[in-house]
C-alpha atoms as a PDB file:
ATOM      1  CA  MET A   1       5.673 -12.343   3.552  1.00  0.00           C
ATOM      2  CA  CYS A   2       4.654 -14.785   0.989  1.00  0.00           C
ATOM      3  CA  ASN A   3       8.232 -16.597   2.075  1.00  0.00           C
ATOM      4  CA  ILE A   4       7.963 -15.967   5.597  1.00  0.00           C
ATOM      5  CA  ASN A   5       4.186 -16.738   6.263  1.00  0.00           C
ATOM      6  CA  PRO A   6       3.067 -18.937   3.156  1.00  0.00           C
ATOM      7  CA  GLU A   7       0.025 -19.863   5.016  1.00  0.00           C
ATOM      8  CA  LEU A   8      -0.644 -16.440   6.420  1.00  0.00           C
ATOM      9  CA  TYR A   9      -0.313 -15.151   2.696  1.00  0.00           C
ATOM     10  CA  ALA A  10      -2.745 -17.358   1.154  1.00  0.00           C
ATOM     11  CA  ASN A  11      -5.713 -17.265   3.961  1.00  0.00           C
ATOM     12  CA  LEU A  12      -5.104 -13.261   2.706  1.00  0.00           C
ATOM     13  CA  SER A  13      -5.223 -13.893  -1.044  1.00  0.00           C
ATOM     14  CA  GLU A  14      -8.817 -15.694  -0.311  1.00  0.00           C
ATOM     15  CA  SER A  15     -10.023 -12.148   0.688  1.00  0.00           C
ATOM     16  CA  ARG A  16     -11.499  -9.404  -1.502  1.00  0.00           C
ATOM     17  CA  LEU A  17     -10.084  -6.839   0.502  1.00  0.00           C
ATOM     18  CA  VAL A  18      -7.472  -6.242   3.468  1.00  0.00           C
ATOM     19  CA  ILE A  19      -8.241  -3.279   5.711  1.00  0.00           C
ATOM     20  CA  PHE A  20      -5.056  -1.916   7.434  1.00  0.00           C
ATOM     21  CA  LYS A  21      -6.150   0.620  10.141  1.00  0.00           C
ATOM     22  CA  GLY A  22      -3.433   2.864  12.100  1.00  0.00           C
ATOM     23  CA  ASP A  23      -0.467   4.531  11.875  1.00  0.00           C
ATOM     24  CA  LEU A  24       1.772   1.580  12.995  1.00  0.00           C
ATOM     25  CA  ASN A  25      -0.342  -0.734  10.806  1.00  0.00           C
ATOM     26  CA  TYR A  26       0.922   1.735   7.923  1.00  0.00           C
ATOM     27  CA  ARG A  27       4.442   1.876   8.861  1.00  0.00           C
ATOM     28  CA  LYS A  28       4.386  -2.110   8.943  1.00  0.00           C
ATOM     29  CA  LEU A  29       3.015  -2.069   5.692  1.00  0.00           C
ATOM     30  CA  ILE A  30       5.707  -0.194   4.100  1.00  0.00           C
ATOM     31  CA  GLY A  31       8.320  -1.708   6.130  1.00  0.00           C
ATOM     32  CA  ASP A  32       9.138   1.088   8.595  1.00  0.00           C
ATOM     33  CA  PHE A  33      11.203   2.593   5.818  1.00  0.00           C
ATOM     34  CA  SER A  34      11.886   6.571   4.674  1.00  0.00           C
ATOM     35  CA  TRP A  35      10.515   6.312   1.609  1.00  0.00           C
ATOM     36  CA  SER A  36      10.431   9.292  -0.585  1.00  0.00           C
ATOM     37  CA  PHE A  37       7.188  11.250  -0.088  1.00  0.00           C
ATOM     38  CA  THR A  38       6.444  10.898  -3.968  1.00  0.00           C
ATOM     39  CA  ASP A  39       7.348   7.054  -4.230  1.00  0.00           C
ATOM     40  CA  PRO A  40       4.196   5.282  -5.067  1.00  0.00           C
ATOM     41  CA  PHE A  41       2.416   3.333  -2.867  1.00  0.00           C
ATOM     42  CA  THR A  42       2.760  -0.175  -4.975  1.00  0.00           C
ATOM     43  CA  THR A  43       6.018   0.262  -4.545  1.00  0.00           C
ATOM     44  CA  CYS A  44       6.347   0.675  -1.356  1.00  0.00           C
ATOM     45  CA  LEU A  45       4.625  -2.252  -0.424  1.00  0.00           C
ATOM     46  CA  ARG A  46       7.458  -4.307  -1.915  1.00  0.00           C
ATOM     47  CA  GLY A  47       5.469  -6.869  -3.680  1.00  0.00           C
ATOM     48  CA  PHE A  48       3.013  -7.602  -0.487  1.00  0.00           C
ATOM     49  CA  LEU A  49      -0.253  -7.670  -2.675  1.00  0.00           C
ATOM     50  CA  PRO A  50      -1.947 -10.687  -1.757  1.00  0.00           C
ATOM     51  CA  THR A  51      -5.410  -9.401  -2.377  1.00  0.00           C
ATOM     52  CA  ASN A  52      -7.228  -5.541  -2.820  1.00  0.00           C
ATOM     53  CA  LEU A  53      -6.120  -3.846  -0.011  1.00  0.00           C
ATOM     54  CA  VAL A  54      -6.791   0.182   1.550  1.00  0.00           C
ATOM     55  CA  SER A  55      -4.913   1.114   4.744  1.00  0.00           C
ATOM     56  CA  LEU A  56      -6.742   3.913   6.752  1.00  0.00           C
ATOM     57  CA  ARG A  57      -4.129   5.931   9.187  1.00  0.00           C
ATOM     58  CA  THR A  58      -3.989   9.166  10.992  1.00  0.00           C
ATOM     59  CA  VAL A  59      -0.712  10.695  10.145  1.00  0.00           C
ATOM     60  CA  LYS A  60       1.219  10.363  13.349  1.00  0.00           C
ATOM     61  CA  ALA A  61       4.734   9.792  12.179  1.00  0.00           C
ATOM     62  CA  ASP A  62       7.718  11.341   9.573  1.00  0.00           C
ATOM     63  CA  LEU A  63       6.627   8.103   7.505  1.00  0.00           C
ATOM     64  CA  ILE A  64       4.438   8.343   4.045  1.00  0.00           C
ATOM     65  CA  CYS A  65       4.232   7.400   0.507  1.00  0.00           C
ATOM     66  CA  GLY A  66       2.370   7.962  -2.686  1.00  0.00           C
ATOM     67  CA  LEU A  67       1.734  11.892  -2.212  1.00  0.00           C
ATOM     68  CA  LEU A  68       1.534  13.795  -5.497  1.00  0.00           C
ATOM     69  CA  GLU A  69       4.304  16.346  -6.433  1.00  0.00           C
ATOM     70  CA  GLY A  70       4.506  19.173  -4.112  1.00  0.00           C
ATOM     71  CA  GLN A  71       1.886  17.987  -1.888  1.00  0.00           C
ATOM     72  CA  ALA A  72       4.651  17.396   1.111  1.00  0.00           C
ATOM     73  CA  GLU A  73       5.965  21.067   0.828  1.00  0.00           C
ATOM     74  CA  LYS A  74       2.533  22.559   0.597  1.00  0.00           C
ATOM     75  CA  LEU A  75       1.809  20.684   3.928  1.00  0.00           C
ATOM     76  CA  PHE A  76       5.112  22.112   5.545  1.00  0.00           C
ATOM     77  CA  GLU A  77       4.470  25.377   4.584  1.00  0.00           C
ATOM     78  CA  ILE A  78       1.041  24.967   6.328  1.00  0.00           C
ATOM     79  CA  ASP A  79       2.344  23.567   9.574  1.00  0.00           C
ATOM     80  CA  GLN A  80       6.245  22.386   9.529  1.00  0.00           C
ATOM     81  CA  ASN A  81       4.383  19.129  12.249  1.00  0.00           C
ATOM     82  CA  TRP A  82       2.052  17.791   9.974  1.00  0.00           C
ATOM     83  CA  MET A  83       3.645  14.495  10.413  1.00  0.00           C
ATOM     84  CA  THR A  84       3.206  14.341  13.788  1.00  0.00           C
ATOM     85  CA  THR A  85       0.195  16.119  14.856  1.00  0.00           C
ATOM     86  CA  GLY A  86      -2.192  13.505  14.210  1.00  0.00           C
ATOM     87  CA  GLU A  87      -4.248  16.781  12.186  1.00  0.00           C
ATOM     88  CA  TYR A  88      -3.954  14.712   9.073  1.00  0.00           C
ATOM     89  CA  GLY A  89      -4.353  11.128   7.285  1.00  0.00           C
ATOM     90  CA  THR A  90      -4.097   9.350   4.183  1.00  0.00           C
ATOM     91  CA  ILE A  91      -6.407   6.885   2.710  1.00  0.00           C
ATOM     92  CA  GLN A  92      -4.340   4.628   0.288  1.00  0.00           C
ATOM     93  CA  PHE A  93      -6.241   2.138  -2.291  1.00  0.00           C
ATOM     94  CA  MET A  94      -4.236  -0.865  -4.469  1.00  0.00           C
ATOM     95  CA  ILE A  95      -6.149  -3.279  -6.784  1.00  0.00           C
ATOM     96  CA  GLN A  96      -4.533  -6.493  -7.443  1.00  0.00           C
ATOM     97  CA  PRO A  97      -3.907  -6.822 -10.691  1.00  0.00           C
ATOM     98  CA  THR A  98      -5.862  -9.547 -12.688  1.00  0.00           C
ATOM     99  CA  ILE A  99      -5.139 -11.453 -15.534  1.00  0.00           C
ATOM    100  CA  SER A 100      -8.369 -11.176 -18.278  1.00  0.00           C
ATOM    101  CA  ALA A 101     -10.291 -13.839 -19.144  1.00  0.00           C
ATOM    102  CA  GLU A 102      -8.763 -13.558 -22.529  1.00  0.00           C
ATOM    103  CA  ALA A 103      -5.454 -14.087 -21.545  1.00  0.00           C
ATOM    104  CA  VAL A 104      -6.172 -17.074 -19.598  1.00  0.00           C
ATOM    105  CA  ILE A 105      -8.023 -18.537 -22.642  1.00  0.00           C
ATOM    106  CA  THR A 106      -4.665 -17.735 -24.911  1.00  0.00           C
ATOM    107  CA  ASN A 107      -2.342 -18.875 -22.768  1.00  0.00           C
ATOM    108  CA  SER A 108      -4.777 -22.545 -22.199  1.00  0.00           C
ATOM    109  CA  LEU A 109      -4.549 -22.668 -26.195  1.00  0.00           C
ATOM    110  CA  SER A 110      -1.018 -22.081 -26.445  1.00  0.00           C
ATOM    111  CA  ALA A 111      -0.417 -24.768 -23.727  1.00  0.00           C
ATOM    112  CA  GLN A 112      -1.710 -27.739 -26.022  1.00  0.00           C
END
């Protein structure tokens, strides 16, 4: 998105938090790809992290990431259709990495 719509990305970057709500927005956020259930959320964002973000979602489609090892298997044991019933949800949060003040000072001194 940084390359596709730099102005929107810059506007989002000015926020302290962006909230994505809903199954469709979640699927757009992770590119509508069939990720492994245990692929980290940060990997599935594919570099999209203009600021801190949270995704609130009722699972209604068979796309999900960021689950713990074995978690999906346990859910399939409980309900084979757990990904499409709308009875399960996720809250996923990513904090944008920040540069410490020490690193900024060190880099500034190195440049002199």
